[in-house]
Amino acid sequence: MKLFENHNLKSYNTFGMEVFARQFVELETAEETSAAVAEYLQQWPYYILGGGSNTLFTNDFDGTIVHPAFHGVERMEENSDNVLLRVAAGEPWENLIQYCIKHEYYGLENLTAIPGLVGSAPVQNIGAYGVEVKDTVYKVQGYILSTRNPFELSNADCLFGYRNSIFKQTLKNDCIITYVWFQLSKKKHFTLSYQGLAKALEERELPLTLHCVSDCVRKIREAKLPDPKIVGNGGSFFKNPVISVEKYRDLLTQYPDLVAYDAPDGCKKLSAGQLIEKSGWKGRRVGKAGTWKNQALVLVNYGGATPKEVLGVAETIIKDVKTLFDITLEMEINRI
């Protein structure tokens, strides 16, 4: 375990905000978690920080940041159909993707090139191109901060929803995830419900292999999304709104090209990016913050932007989309 005082968090958040934490605790093993909970997470405010890819720090953090830095992918069980992996919370997500491609484990390839660490994946229920991580999570292990007891939650216990889970609800700020278990298929199968992915594979005349699907996903993401190492950003800033079929039909009379996907309970999920673009915000810049030129859903730090500038852009977008569509966008990003 390593402890740092007045620690600069610029390299720990993909927006590249230069903010400082009073204390920064780096966990080098999962076994150190219980000691960190007992020693550092009882008085000051605290925050569990993974790769910082879905986090916008709005000020210096006057408390303790805990960062899991322990790695590892272990095969726990295996048969002719499936494999059960236990993955450390501090393992970079992309490392897991490459491990699965190498060993021909199916289920996560559509989530290629998503930044962040494995421990953050179930919190957000990350998803892309027709796949959500909930489809493969077997169980999650960690520690409850308020009781200092270990926990183990099954997939059903995690209460997964669209960009949501129990870790963003009743367990928000009250747990540290140490391991995520994934059940993956050894039988060849792919999810190609996202039309853009299926079309890209066809146009490039690529065979259906894990490597090709993953590579195609990477190319699509690179064409739409900025590299946070070059242009600070937190990925998708807003959730895709879910509306009733009736409201969607009404909107189609004004916007016949409005994209929608089927959602639970007979609702429709719209593209937040399309709504933002139609509101005149694609590639628009205000000061040092704005939206990305290729994807209006992504808010960016063009260099030296303050949290106030980023939030100002976000709040104006919410207002403009509400005025045009009578839909209130919800931020997906975690504001700290």
C-alpha atoms as a PDB file:
ATOM      1  CA  MET A   1       0.000   0.000   0.000  1.00  0.00           C
ATOM      2  CA  LYS A   2       1.299   3.460  -0.913  1.00  0.00           C
ATOM      3  CA  LEU A   3       0.176   6.758   0.618  1.00  0.00           C
ATOM      4  CA  PHE A   4       0.603  10.176  -1.012  1.00  0.00           C
ATOM      5  CA  GLU A   5      -0.295  13.612   0.378  1.00  0.00           C
ATOM      6  CA  ASN A   6      -1.708  16.476  -1.730  1.00  0.00           C
ATOM      7  CA  HIS A   7      -1.615  14.236  -4.791  1.00  0.00           C
ATOM      8  CA  ASN A   8      -2.177  15.578  -8.323  1.00  0.00           C
ATOM      9  CA  LEU A   9      -5.032  13.665 -10.006  1.00  0.00           C
ATOM     10  CA  LYS A  10      -4.441  14.921 -13.538  1.00  0.00           C
ATOM     11  CA  SER A  11      -3.148  11.546 -14.737  1.00  0.00           C
ATOM     12  CA  TYR A  12      -5.975   9.715 -12.948  1.00  0.00           C
ATOM     13  CA  ASN A  13      -8.894  11.314 -14.829  1.00  0.00           C
ATOM     14  CA  THR A  14      -9.313  11.215 -18.589  1.00  0.00           C
ATOM     15  CA  PHE A  15     -10.690  14.774 -18.682  1.00  0.00           C
ATOM     16  CA  GLY A  16      -7.187  15.813 -17.644  1.00  0.00           C
ATOM     17  CA  MET A  17      -8.388  18.100 -14.867  1.00  0.00           C
ATOM     18  CA  GLU A  18      -5.532  19.289 -12.662  1.00  0.00           C
ATOM     19  CA  VAL A  19      -7.069  18.829  -9.242  1.00  0.00           C
ATOM     20  CA  PHE A  20      -5.522  17.553  -6.023  1.00  0.00           C
ATOM     21  CA  ALA A  21      -6.538  15.016  -3.369  1.00  0.00           C
ATOM     22  CA  ARG A  22      -5.603  15.566   0.271  1.00  0.00           C
ATOM     23  CA  GLN A  23      -4.663  11.861   0.490  1.00  0.00           C
ATOM     24  CA  PHE A  24      -4.177   9.245  -2.212  1.00  0.00           C
ATOM     25  CA  VAL A  25      -3.999   5.565  -1.259  1.00  0.00           C
ATOM     26  CA  GLU A  26      -2.799   3.086  -3.865  1.00  0.00           C
ATOM     27  CA  LEU A  27      -3.702  -0.548  -3.154  1.00  0.00           C
ATOM     28  CA  GLU A  28      -1.073  -2.950  -4.444  1.00  0.00           C
ATOM     29  CA  THR A  29      -2.949  -6.128  -3.460  1.00  0.00           C
ATOM     30  CA  ALA A  30      -6.599  -7.001  -2.843  1.00  0.00           C
ATOM     31  CA  GLU A  31      -5.659  -8.113   0.666  1.00  0.00           C
ATOM     32  CA  GLU A  32      -4.702  -4.521   1.544  1.00  0.00           C
ATOM     33  CA  THR A  33      -8.293  -3.388   1.063  1.00  0.00           C
ATOM     34  CA  SER A  34      -9.516  -4.259   4.557  1.00  0.00           C
ATOM     35  CA  ALA A  35      -6.572  -2.421   6.131  1.00  0.00           C
ATOM     36  CA  ALA A  36      -7.192   0.637   3.948  1.00  0.00           C
ATOM     37  CA  VAL A  37     -10.864   0.659   4.951  1.00  0.00           C
ATOM     38  CA  ALA A  38      -9.980   0.518   8.642  1.00  0.00           C
ATOM     39  CA  GLU A  39      -7.202   3.095   8.514  1.00  0.00           C
ATOM     40  CA  TYR A  40      -8.118   5.687   5.896  1.00  0.00           C
ATOM     41  CA  LEU A  41     -11.844   5.589   5.165  1.00  0.00           C
ATOM     42  CA  GLN A  42     -13.424   6.387   8.498  1.00  0.00           C
ATOM     43  CA  GLN A  43     -13.176  10.186   8.827  1.00  0.00           C
ATOM     44  CA  TRP A  44     -12.653  12.318   5.730  1.00  0.00           C
ATOM     45  CA  PRO A  45     -14.737  12.107   2.579  1.00  0.00           C
ATOM     46  CA  TYR A  46     -13.440   9.372   0.306  1.00  0.00           C
ATOM     47  CA  TYR A  47     -13.816   8.256  -3.282  1.00  0.00           C
ATOM     48  CA  ILE A  48     -12.868   4.979  -4.987  1.00  0.00           C
ATOM     49  CA  LEU A  49     -11.132   5.890  -8.252  1.00  0.00           C
ATOM     50  CA  GLY A  50     -10.391   3.425 -11.022  1.00  0.00           C
ATOM     51  CA  GLY A  51      -9.139   4.709 -14.373  1.00  0.00           C
ATOM     52  CA  GLY A  52     -11.058   7.981 -14.051  1.00  0.00           C
ATOM     53  CA  SER A  53     -12.657   7.523 -17.481  1.00  0.00           C
ATOM     54  CA  ASN A  54     -16.183   8.362 -16.325  1.00  0.00           C
ATOM     55  CA  THR A  55     -15.316  10.984 -13.730  1.00  0.00           C
ATOM     56  CA  LEU A  56     -15.324  14.771 -13.769  1.00  0.00           C
ATOM     57  CA  PHE A  57     -13.608  16.320 -10.774  1.00  0.00           C
ATOM     58  CA  THR A  58     -15.236  19.683 -10.170  1.00  0.00           C
ATOM     59  CA  ASN A  59     -12.824  20.786  -7.389  1.00  0.00           C
ATOM     60  CA  ASP A  60      -9.828  19.623  -5.383  1.00  0.00           C
ATOM     61  CA  PHE A  61     -10.835  16.599  -3.310  1.00  0.00           C
ATOM     62  CA  ASP A  62     -10.582  17.348   0.407  1.00  0.00           C
ATOM     63  CA  GLY A  63     -10.422  13.728   1.483  1.00  0.00           C
ATOM     64  CA  THR A  64      -8.974  10.337   0.555  1.00  0.00           C
ATOM     65  CA  ILE A  65      -8.835   8.795  -2.904  1.00  0.00           C
ATOM     66  CA  VAL A  66      -8.423   5.010  -2.970  1.00  0.00           C
ATOM     67  CA  HIS A  67      -7.043   3.582  -6.203  1.00  0.00           C
ATOM     68  CA  PRO A  68      -6.862  -0.208  -6.825  1.00  0.00           C
ATOM     69  CA  ALA A  69      -3.612  -0.969  -8.633  1.00  0.00           C
ATOM     70  CA  PHE A  70      -3.544  -4.770  -8.318  1.00  0.00           C
ATOM     71  CA  HIS A  71      -3.783  -6.878 -11.473  1.00  0.00           C
ATOM     72  CA  GLY A  72      -4.520 -10.454 -12.479  1.00  0.00           C
ATOM     73  CA  VAL A  73      -6.740 -12.681 -14.633  1.00  0.00           C
ATOM     74  CA  GLU A  74      -7.337 -16.223 -13.340  1.00  0.00           C
ATOM     75  CA  ARG A  75      -9.244 -19.144 -14.827  1.00  0.00           C
ATOM     76  CA  MET A  76     -11.302 -20.541 -11.957  1.00  0.00           C
ATOM     77  CA  GLU A  77     -13.489 -23.113 -13.757  1.00  0.00           C
ATOM     78  CA  GLU A  78     -13.708 -24.389 -17.304  1.00  0.00           C
ATOM     79  CA  ASN A  79     -15.646 -26.915 -19.363  1.00  0.00           C
ATOM     80  CA  SER A  80     -16.235 -27.503 -23.066  1.00  0.00           C
ATOM     81  CA  ASP A  81     -18.802 -24.670 -23.285  1.00  0.00           C
ATOM     82  CA  ASN A  82     -17.801 -21.953 -20.825  1.00  0.00           C
ATOM     83  CA  VAL A  83     -14.984 -20.490 -18.768  1.00  0.00           C
ATOM     84  CA  LEU A  84     -15.150 -18.645 -15.452  1.00  0.00           C
ATOM     85  CA  LEU A  85     -12.571 -15.884 -14.977  1.00  0.00           C
ATOM     86  CA  ARG A  86     -11.725 -13.997 -11.796  1.00  0.00           C
ATOM     87  CA  VAL A  87     -10.277 -10.602 -12.698  1.00  0.00           C
ATOM     88  CA  ALA A  88      -8.665  -8.112 -10.308  1.00  0.00           C
ATOM     89  CA  ALA A  89     -10.305  -4.706 -10.003  1.00  0.00           C
ATOM     90  CA  GLY A  90      -7.100  -2.903 -10.988  1.00  0.00           C
ATOM     91  CA  GLU A  91      -6.657  -4.811 -14.248  1.00  0.00           C
ATOM     92  CA  PRO A  92      -6.954  -2.459 -17.260  1.00  0.00           C
ATOM     93  CA  TRP A  93     -10.128  -3.309 -19.168  1.00  0.00           C
ATOM     94  CA  GLU A  94      -8.316  -3.552 -22.485  1.00  0.00           C
ATOM     95  CA  ASN A  95      -5.920  -6.143 -21.026  1.00  0.00           C
ATOM     96  CA  LEU A  96      -8.916  -8.366 -20.295  1.00  0.00           C
ATOM     97  CA  ILE A  97     -10.229  -7.921 -23.837  1.00  0.00           C
ATOM     98  CA  GLN A  98      -6.874  -8.984 -25.298  1.00  0.00           C
ATOM     99  CA  TYR A  99      -6.694 -11.961 -22.917  1.00  0.00           C
ATOM    100  CA  CYS A 100     -10.112 -13.144 -24.112  1.00  0.00           C
ATOM    101  CA  ILE A 101      -9.185 -12.751 -27.766  1.00  0.00           C
ATOM    102  CA  LYS A 102      -5.957 -14.703 -27.246  1.00  0.00           C
ATOM    103  CA  HIS A 103      -7.763 -17.585 -25.527  1.00  0.00           C
ATOM    104  CA  GLU A 104     -10.884 -17.421 -27.761  1.00  0.00           C
ATOM    105  CA  TYR A 105     -13.409 -16.546 -25.063  1.00  0.00           C
ATOM    106  CA  TYR A 106     -16.539 -14.935 -26.496  1.00  0.00           C
ATOM    107  CA  GLY A 107     -18.757 -12.216 -25.041  1.00  0.00           C
ATOM    108  CA  LEU A 108     -16.670  -9.088 -24.402  1.00  0.00           C
ATOM    109  CA  GLU A 109     -15.267  -8.294 -27.859  1.00  0.00           C
ATOM    110  CA  ASN A 110     -17.870  -5.564 -28.557  1.00  0.00           C
ATOM    111  CA  LEU A 111     -16.531  -3.708 -25.505  1.00  0.00           C
ATOM    112  CA  THR A 112     -13.079  -3.301 -27.027  1.00  0.00           C
ATOM    113  CA  ALA A 113     -11.183  -0.038 -26.427  1.00  0.00           C
ATOM    114  CA  ILE A 114     -13.327   1.192 -23.545  1.00  0.00           C
ATOM    115  CA  PRO A 115     -10.938   2.995 -21.185  1.00  0.00           C
ATOM    116  CA  GLY A 116     -10.803   2.241 -17.478  1.00  0.00           C
ATOM    117  CA  LEU A 117     -10.235  -0.627 -15.073  1.00  0.00           C
ATOM    118  CA  VAL A 118     -12.151  -3.874 -14.608  1.00  0.00           C
ATOM    119  CA  GLY A 119     -13.480  -2.905 -11.163  1.00  0.00           C
ATOM    120  CA  SER A 120     -15.375   0.035 -12.649  1.00  0.00           C
ATOM    121  CA  ALA A 121     -17.137  -2.019 -15.342  1.00  0.00           C
ATOM    122  CA  PRO A 122     -20.022  -3.413 -13.226  1.00  0.00           C
ATOM    123  CA  VAL A 123     -20.548  -0.081 -11.431  1.00  0.00           C
ATOM    124  CA  GLN A 124     -21.488   1.636 -14.660  1.00  0.00           C
ATOM    125  CA  ASN A 125     -22.675  -1.531 -16.416  1.00  0.00           C
ATOM    126  CA  ILE A 126     -20.566  -0.430 -19.351  1.00  0.00           C
ATOM    127  CA  GLY A 127     -21.979  -1.155 -22.770  1.00  0.00           C
ATOM    128  CA  ALA A 128     -21.342  -0.630 -26.469  1.00  0.00           C
ATOM    129  CA  TYR A 129     -22.526  -1.938 -29.822  1.00  0.00           C
ATOM    130  CA  GLY A 130     -25.342  -4.106 -28.513  1.00  0.00           C
ATOM    131  CA  VAL A 131     -23.510  -5.608 -25.515  1.00  0.00           C
ATOM    132  CA  GLU A 132     -23.545  -4.708 -21.817  1.00  0.00           C
ATOM    133  CA  VAL A 133     -21.116  -6.072 -19.268  1.00  0.00           C
ATOM    134  CA  LYS A 134     -24.043  -7.458 -17.230  1.00  0.00           C
ATOM    135  CA  ASP A 135     -24.401 -10.115 -19.947  1.00  0.00           C
ATOM    136  CA  THR A 136     -21.148 -11.733 -18.782  1.00  0.00           C
ATOM    137  CA  VAL A 137     -20.703 -10.807 -15.100  1.00  0.00           C
ATOM    138  CA  TYR A 138     -21.038 -13.900 -12.889  1.00  0.00           C
ATOM    139  CA  LYS A 139     -20.453 -12.224  -9.524  1.00  0.00           C
ATOM    140  CA  VAL A 140     -18.657  -9.302  -7.878  1.00  0.00           C
ATOM    141  CA  GLN A 141     -16.516  -9.356  -4.726  1.00  0.00           C
ATOM    142  CA  GLY A 142     -15.339  -6.561  -2.473  1.00  0.00           C
ATOM    143  CA  TYR A 143     -15.702  -4.804   0.883  1.00  0.00           C
ATOM    144  CA  ILE A 144     -18.545  -2.805   2.418  1.00  0.00           C
ATOM    145  CA  LEU A 145     -17.037   0.341   3.895  1.00  0.00           C
ATOM    146  CA  SER A 146     -19.676   1.050   6.550  1.00  0.00           C
ATOM    147  CA  THR A 147     -19.481  -2.450   8.073  1.00  0.00           C
ATOM    148  CA  ARG A 148     -15.884  -3.315   7.077  1.00  0.00           C
ATOM    149  CA  ASN A 149     -17.160  -6.709   5.931  1.00  0.00           C
ATOM    150  CA  PRO A 150     -16.455  -8.499   2.660  1.00  0.00           C
ATOM    151  CA  PHE A 151     -19.305  -8.973   0.196  1.00  0.00           C
ATOM    152  CA  GLU A 152     -20.084 -11.262  -2.712  1.00  0.00           C
ATOM    153  CA  LEU A 153     -22.940 -10.379  -5.055  1.00  0.00           C
ATOM    154  CA  SER A 154     -24.349 -12.564  -7.822  1.00  0.00           C
ATOM    155  CA  ASN A 155     -25.338 -11.097 -11.176  1.00  0.00           C
ATOM    156  CA  ALA A 156     -28.962 -10.800 -10.013  1.00  0.00           C
ATOM    157  CA  ASP A 157     -27.867  -9.173  -6.734  1.00  0.00           C
ATOM    158  CA  CYS A 158     -26.051  -6.446  -8.696  1.00  0.00           C
ATOM    159  CA  LEU A 159     -29.418  -5.063  -9.932  1.00  0.00           C
ATOM    160  CA  PHE A 160     -28.020  -4.163 -13.324  1.00  0.00           C
ATOM    161  CA  GLY A 161     -29.860  -1.620 -15.461  1.00  0.00           C
ATOM    162  CA  TYR A 162     -29.002   0.727 -18.297  1.00  0.00           C
ATOM    163  CA  ARG A 163     -25.702   2.336 -17.167  1.00  0.00           C
ATOM    164  CA  ASN A 164     -26.769   1.449 -13.654  1.00  0.00           C
ATOM    165  CA  SER A 165     -26.247  -1.059 -10.840  1.00  0.00           C
ATOM    166  CA  ILE A 166     -26.546  -1.476  -7.094  1.00  0.00           C
ATOM    167  CA  PHE A 167     -23.091   0.118  -6.900  1.00  0.00           C
ATOM    168  CA  LYS A 168     -24.595   3.399  -8.100  1.00  0.00           C
ATOM    169  CA  GLN A 169     -27.628   3.050  -5.854  1.00  0.00           C
ATOM    170  CA  THR A 170     -27.739   1.573  -2.329  1.00  0.00           C
ATOM    171  CA  LEU A 171     -24.004   0.749  -2.324  1.00  0.00           C
ATOM    172  CA  LYS A 172     -22.876   4.050  -3.816  1.00  0.00           C
ATOM    173  CA  ASN A 173     -19.764   5.295  -1.981  1.00  0.00           C
ATOM    174  CA  ASP A 174     -20.055   2.357   0.441  1.00  0.00           C
ATOM    175  CA  CYS A 175     -17.990  -0.361  -1.205  1.00  0.00           C
ATOM    176  CA  ILE A 176     -14.692  -1.219  -2.822  1.00  0.00           C
ATOM    177  CA  ILE A 177     -14.757  -3.836  -5.575  1.00  0.00           C
ATOM    178  CA  THR A 178     -11.776  -6.193  -5.478  1.00  0.00           C
ATOM    179  CA  TYR A 179     -12.667  -8.858  -8.058  1.00  0.00           C
ATOM    180  CA  VAL A 180     -15.149  -9.273 -10.910  1.00  0.00           C
ATOM    181  CA  TRP A 181     -15.961 -12.796 -12.103  1.00  0.00           C
ATOM    182  CA  PHE A 182     -16.936 -13.266 -15.758  1.00  0.00           C
ATOM    183  CA  GLN A 183     -18.619 -16.261 -17.360  1.00  0.00           C
ATOM    184  CA  LEU A 184     -17.679 -16.364 -21.027  1.00  0.00           C
ATOM    185  CA  SER A 185     -18.480 -18.722 -23.848  1.00  0.00           C
ATOM    186  CA  LYS A 186     -15.970 -20.974 -25.575  1.00  0.00           C
ATOM    187  CA  LYS A 187     -18.469 -21.557 -28.368  1.00  0.00           C
ATOM    188  CA  LYS A 188     -18.158 -19.222 -31.336  1.00  0.00           C
ATOM    189  CA  HIS A 189     -20.902 -16.586 -31.328  1.00  0.00           C
ATOM    190  CA  PHE A 190     -21.126 -12.839 -31.915  1.00  0.00           C
ATOM    191  CA  THR A 191     -23.561 -10.006 -31.214  1.00  0.00           C
ATOM    192  CA  LEU A 192     -24.032  -7.994 -34.405  1.00  0.00           C
ATOM    193  CA  SER A 193     -27.319  -6.248 -33.611  1.00  0.00           C
ATOM    194  CA  TYR A 194     -25.623  -2.847 -33.895  1.00  0.00           C
ATOM    195  CA  GLN A 195     -26.030  -2.036 -37.588  1.00  0.00           C
ATOM    196  CA  GLY A 196     -22.868   0.031 -37.807  1.00  0.00           C
ATOM    197  CA  LEU A 197     -20.732  -2.885 -36.656  1.00  0.00           C
ATOM    198  CA  ALA A 198     -22.347  -5.419 -38.968  1.00  0.00           C
ATOM    199  CA  LYS A 199     -22.035  -2.980 -41.892  1.00  0.00           C
ATOM    200  CA  ALA A 200     -18.381  -2.240 -41.150  1.00  0.00           C
ATOM    201  CA  LEU A 201     -17.530  -5.946 -41.059  1.00  0.00           C
ATOM    202  CA  GLU A 202     -19.308  -6.472 -44.367  1.00  0.00           C
ATOM    203  CA  GLU A 203     -17.723  -3.470 -46.077  1.00  0.00           C
ATOM    204  CA  ARG A 204     -14.237  -4.513 -44.992  1.00  0.00           C
ATOM    205  CA  GLU A 205     -15.001  -8.124 -46.012  1.00  0.00           C
ATOM    206  CA  LEU A 206     -13.717  -9.385 -42.704  1.00  0.00           C
ATOM    207  CA  PRO A 207     -14.308 -12.927 -41.450  1.00  0.00           C
ATOM    208  CA  LEU A 208     -16.225 -13.425 -38.216  1.00  0.00           C
ATOM    209  CA  THR A 209     -13.428 -13.912 -35.742  1.00  0.00           C
ATOM    210  CA  LEU A 210     -12.802 -12.413 -32.319  1.00  0.00           C
ATOM    211  CA  HIS A 211      -9.808 -10.505 -33.607  1.00  0.00           C
ATOM    212  CA  CYS A 212     -11.689  -9.042 -36.590  1.00  0.00           C
ATOM    213  CA  VAL A 213     -14.766  -8.031 -34.600  1.00  0.00           C
ATOM    214  CA  SER A 214     -12.610  -6.446 -31.911  1.00  0.00           C
ATOM    215  CA  ASP A 215     -10.490  -4.628 -34.481  1.00  0.00           C
ATOM    216  CA  CYS A 216     -13.604  -3.360 -36.246  1.00  0.00           C
ATOM    217  CA  VAL A 217     -15.046  -2.046 -32.982  1.00  0.00           C
ATOM    218  CA  ARG A 218     -11.749  -0.289 -32.294  1.00  0.00           C
ATOM    219  CA  LYS A 219     -11.781   1.385 -35.708  1.00  0.00           C
ATOM    220  CA  ILE A 220     -15.374   2.577 -35.220  1.00  0.00           C
ATOM    221  CA  ARG A 221     -14.554   4.019 -31.806  1.00  0.00           C
ATOM    222  CA  GLU A 222     -11.391   5.714 -33.059  1.00  0.00           C
ATOM    223  CA  ALA A 223     -13.357   7.365 -35.873  1.00  0.00           C
ATOM    224  CA  LYS A 224     -15.944   8.761 -33.468  1.00  0.00           C
ATOM    225  CA  LEU A 225     -14.160   9.333 -30.173  1.00  0.00           C
ATOM    226  CA  PRO A 226     -11.061  11.360 -29.277  1.00  0.00           C
ATOM    227  CA  ASP A 227      -8.082   9.713 -27.622  1.00  0.00           C
ATOM    228  CA  PRO A 228      -8.162  11.009 -24.014  1.00  0.00           C
ATOM    229  CA  LYS A 229      -4.353  11.037 -24.013  1.00  0.00           C
ATOM    230  CA  ILE A 230      -4.554  13.743 -26.682  1.00  0.00           C
ATOM    231  CA  VAL A 231      -7.907  15.466 -26.061  1.00  0.00           C
ATOM    232  CA  GLY A 232      -9.305  15.242 -22.539  1.00  0.00           C
ATOM    233  CA  ASN A 233     -12.754  13.662 -22.336  1.00  0.00           C
ATOM    234  CA  GLY A 234     -14.844  11.258 -20.301  1.00  0.00           C
ATOM    235  CA  GLY A 235     -16.494   9.356 -23.134  1.00  0.00           C
ATOM    236  CA  SER A 236     -20.278   9.566 -23.411  1.00  0.00           C
ATOM    237  CA  PHE A 237     -21.319  12.445 -21.159  1.00  0.00           C
ATOM    238  CA  PHE A 238     -25.081  11.805 -21.250  1.00  0.00           C
ATOM    239  CA  LYS A 239     -27.307   8.745 -21.082  1.00  0.00           C
ATOM    240  CA  ASN A 240     -29.456   7.864 -24.067  1.00  0.00           C
ATOM    241  CA  PRO A 241     -32.973   8.931 -23.010  1.00  0.00           C
ATOM    242  CA  VAL A 242     -35.810   6.415 -22.865  1.00  0.00           C
ATOM    243  CA  ILE A 243     -39.263   7.672 -23.854  1.00  0.00           C
ATOM    244  CA  SER A 244     -42.723   6.254 -24.539  1.00  0.00           C
ATOM    245  CA  VAL A 245     -43.670   4.956 -27.968  1.00  0.00           C
ATOM    246  CA  GLU A 246     -46.347   7.657 -28.150  1.00  0.00           C
ATOM    247  CA  LYS A 247     -43.847  10.445 -27.592  1.00  0.00           C
ATOM    248  CA  TYR A 248     -41.496   8.898 -30.124  1.00  0.00           C
ATOM    249  CA  ARG A 249     -44.272   8.830 -32.738  1.00  0.00           C
ATOM    250  CA  ASP A 250     -45.035  12.481 -32.042  1.00  0.00           C
ATOM    251  CA  LEU A 251     -41.390  13.406 -32.500  1.00  0.00           C
ATOM    252  CA  LEU A 252     -41.218  11.494 -35.782  1.00  0.00           C
ATOM    253  CA  THR A 253     -43.738  13.888 -37.306  1.00  0.00           C
ATOM    254  CA  GLN A 254     -41.165  16.678 -36.871  1.00  0.00           C
ATOM    255  CA  TYR A 255     -37.976  14.631 -37.132  1.00  0.00           C
ATOM    256  CA  PRO A 256     -38.587  11.628 -39.409  1.00  0.00           C
ATOM    257  CA  ASP A 257     -34.921  10.555 -39.242  1.00  0.00           C
ATOM    258  CA  LEU A 258     -34.918  10.259 -35.443  1.00  0.00           C
ATOM    259  CA  VAL A 259     -33.038   7.100 -34.445  1.00  0.00           C
ATOM    260  CA  ALA A 260     -34.584   4.840 -31.802  1.00  0.00           C
ATOM    261  CA  TYR A 261     -34.033   1.378 -30.366  1.00  0.00           C
ATOM    262  CA  ASP A 262     -36.401  -0.892 -28.490  1.00  0.00           C
ATOM    263  CA  ALA A 263     -36.199  -0.527 -24.711  1.00  0.00           C
ATOM    264  CA  PRO A 264     -37.841  -2.420 -21.815  1.00  0.00           C
ATOM    265  CA  ASP A 265     -41.544  -1.945 -21.050  1.00  0.00           C
ATOM    266  CA  GLY A 266     -42.377  -1.135 -24.639  1.00  0.00           C
ATOM    267  CA  CYS A 267     -40.416   2.132 -24.609  1.00  0.00           C
ATOM    268  CA  LYS A 268     -37.951   3.581 -27.086  1.00  0.00           C
ATOM    269  CA  LYS A 269     -34.345   4.574 -26.451  1.00  0.00           C
ATOM    270  CA  LEU A 270     -33.188   7.593 -28.422  1.00  0.00           C
ATOM    271  CA  SER A 271     -29.671   8.604 -29.405  1.00  0.00           C
ATOM    272  CA  ALA A 272     -28.562  11.396 -27.085  1.00  0.00           C
ATOM    273  CA  GLY A 273     -25.812  12.209 -29.567  1.00  0.00           C
ATOM    274  CA  GLN A 274     -28.342  12.784 -32.350  1.00  0.00           C
ATOM    275  CA  LEU A 275     -30.490  15.000 -30.132  1.00  0.00           C
ATOM    276  CA  ILE A 276     -27.446  17.070 -29.174  1.00  0.00           C
ATOM    277  CA  GLU A 277     -26.338  17.314 -32.804  1.00  0.00           C
ATOM    278  CA  LYS A 278     -29.797  18.440 -33.932  1.00  0.00           C
ATOM    279  CA  SER A 279     -29.627  21.077 -31.205  1.00  0.00           C
ATOM    280  CA  GLY A 280     -26.611  22.575 -32.945  1.00  0.00           C
ATOM    281  CA  TRP A 281     -23.889  21.352 -30.621  1.00  0.00           C
ATOM    282  CA  LYS A 282     -21.763  18.961 -32.672  1.00  0.00           C
ATOM    283  CA  GLY A 283     -18.182  20.239 -32.713  1.00  0.00           C
ATOM    284  CA  ARG A 284     -19.183  23.457 -30.956  1.00  0.00           C
ATOM    285  CA  ARG A 285     -16.726  25.090 -28.594  1.00  0.00           C
ATOM    286  CA  VAL A 286     -17.204  27.540 -25.736  1.00  0.00           C
ATOM    287  CA  GLY A 287     -13.902  28.761 -24.369  1.00  0.00           C
ATOM    288  CA  LYS A 288     -11.683  25.743 -23.770  1.00  0.00           C
ATOM    289  CA  ALA A 289     -14.532  23.214 -23.535  1.00  0.00           C
ATOM    290  CA  GLY A 290     -17.033  21.895 -26.041  1.00  0.00           C
ATOM    291  CA  THR A 291     -18.256  18.821 -27.907  1.00  0.00           C
ATOM    292  CA  TRP A 292     -16.229  16.552 -30.161  1.00  0.00           C
ATOM    293  CA  LYS A 293     -16.309  17.190 -33.884  1.00  0.00           C
ATOM    294  CA  ASN A 294     -17.218  13.582 -34.726  1.00  0.00           C
ATOM    295  CA  GLN A 295     -19.546  12.770 -31.822  1.00  0.00           C
ATOM    296  CA  ALA A 296     -21.729  15.370 -30.117  1.00  0.00           C
ATOM    297  CA  LEU A 297     -22.281  13.069 -27.131  1.00  0.00           C
ATOM    298  CA  VAL A 298     -18.670  13.514 -26.051  1.00  0.00           C
ATOM    299  CA  LEU A 299     -17.729  16.665 -24.136  1.00  0.00           C
ATOM    300  CA  VAL A 300     -14.065  17.545 -24.335  1.00  0.00           C
ATOM    301  CA  ASN A 301     -11.360  19.576 -22.679  1.00  0.00           C
ATOM    302  CA  TYR A 302      -9.588  21.281 -25.566  1.00  0.00           C
ATOM    303  CA  GLY A 303      -6.733  22.187 -23.250  1.00  0.00           C
ATOM    304  CA  GLY A 304      -6.815  23.983 -19.948  1.00  0.00           C
ATOM    305  CA  ALA A 305     -10.586  23.888 -19.513  1.00  0.00           C
ATOM    306  CA  THR A 306     -11.907  24.227 -15.986  1.00  0.00           C
ATOM    307  CA  PRO A 307     -14.609  21.966 -14.530  1.00  0.00           C
ATOM    308  CA  LYS A 308     -16.891  25.016 -14.500  1.00  0.00           C
ATOM    309  CA  GLU A 309     -16.470  25.436 -18.266  1.00  0.00           C
ATOM    310  CA  VAL A 310     -17.264  21.770 -18.958  1.00  0.00           C
ATOM    311  CA  LEU A 311     -20.333  21.826 -16.719  1.00  0.00           C
ATOM    312  CA  GLY A 312     -21.438  25.093 -18.313  1.00  0.00           C
ATOM    313  CA  VAL A 313     -21.446  23.445 -21.742  1.00  0.00           C
ATOM    314  CA  ALA A 314     -23.307  20.421 -20.350  1.00  0.00           C
ATOM    315  CA  GLU A 315     -25.993  22.536 -18.687  1.00  0.00           C
ATOM    316  CA  THR A 316     -26.549  24.577 -21.844  1.00  0.00           C
ATOM    317  CA  ILE A 317     -26.877  21.388 -23.914  1.00  0.00           C
ATOM    318  CA  ILE A 318     -29.470  20.043 -21.471  1.00  0.00           C
ATOM    319  CA  LYS A 319     -31.423  23.299 -21.770  1.00  0.00           C
ATOM    320  CA  ASP A 320     -31.282  23.372 -25.580  1.00  0.00           C
ATOM    321  CA  VAL A 321     -32.344  19.712 -25.979  1.00  0.00           C
ATOM    322  CA  LYS A 322     -35.210  20.286 -23.548  1.00  0.00           C
ATOM    323  CA  THR A 323     -36.364  23.310 -25.546  1.00  0.00           C
ATOM    324  CA  LEU A 324     -36.235  21.497 -28.885  1.00  0.00           C
ATOM    325  CA  PHE A 325     -37.487  18.011 -27.972  1.00  0.00           C
ATOM    326  CA  ASP A 326     -39.054  18.367 -24.501  1.00  0.00           C
ATOM    327  CA  ILE A 327     -36.614  15.695 -23.319  1.00  0.00           C
ATOM    328  CA  THR A 328     -34.357  16.137 -20.308  1.00  0.00           C
ATOM    329  CA  LEU A 329     -30.927  14.589 -20.762  1.00  0.00           C
ATOM    330  CA  GLU A 330     -29.324  12.920 -17.764  1.00  0.00           C
ATOM    331  CA  MET A 331     -25.580  13.083 -17.206  1.00  0.00           C
ATOM    332  CA  GLU A 332     -23.826   9.720 -17.318  1.00  0.00           C
ATOM    333  CA  ILE A 333     -20.557  11.114 -15.987  1.00  0.00           C
ATOM    334  CA  ASN A 334     -19.768  10.999 -12.249  1.00  0.00           C
ATOM    335  CA  ARG A 335     -19.279  14.520 -10.909  1.00  0.00           C
ATOM    336  CA  ILE A 336     -17.014  14.644  -7.868  1.00  0.00           C
END
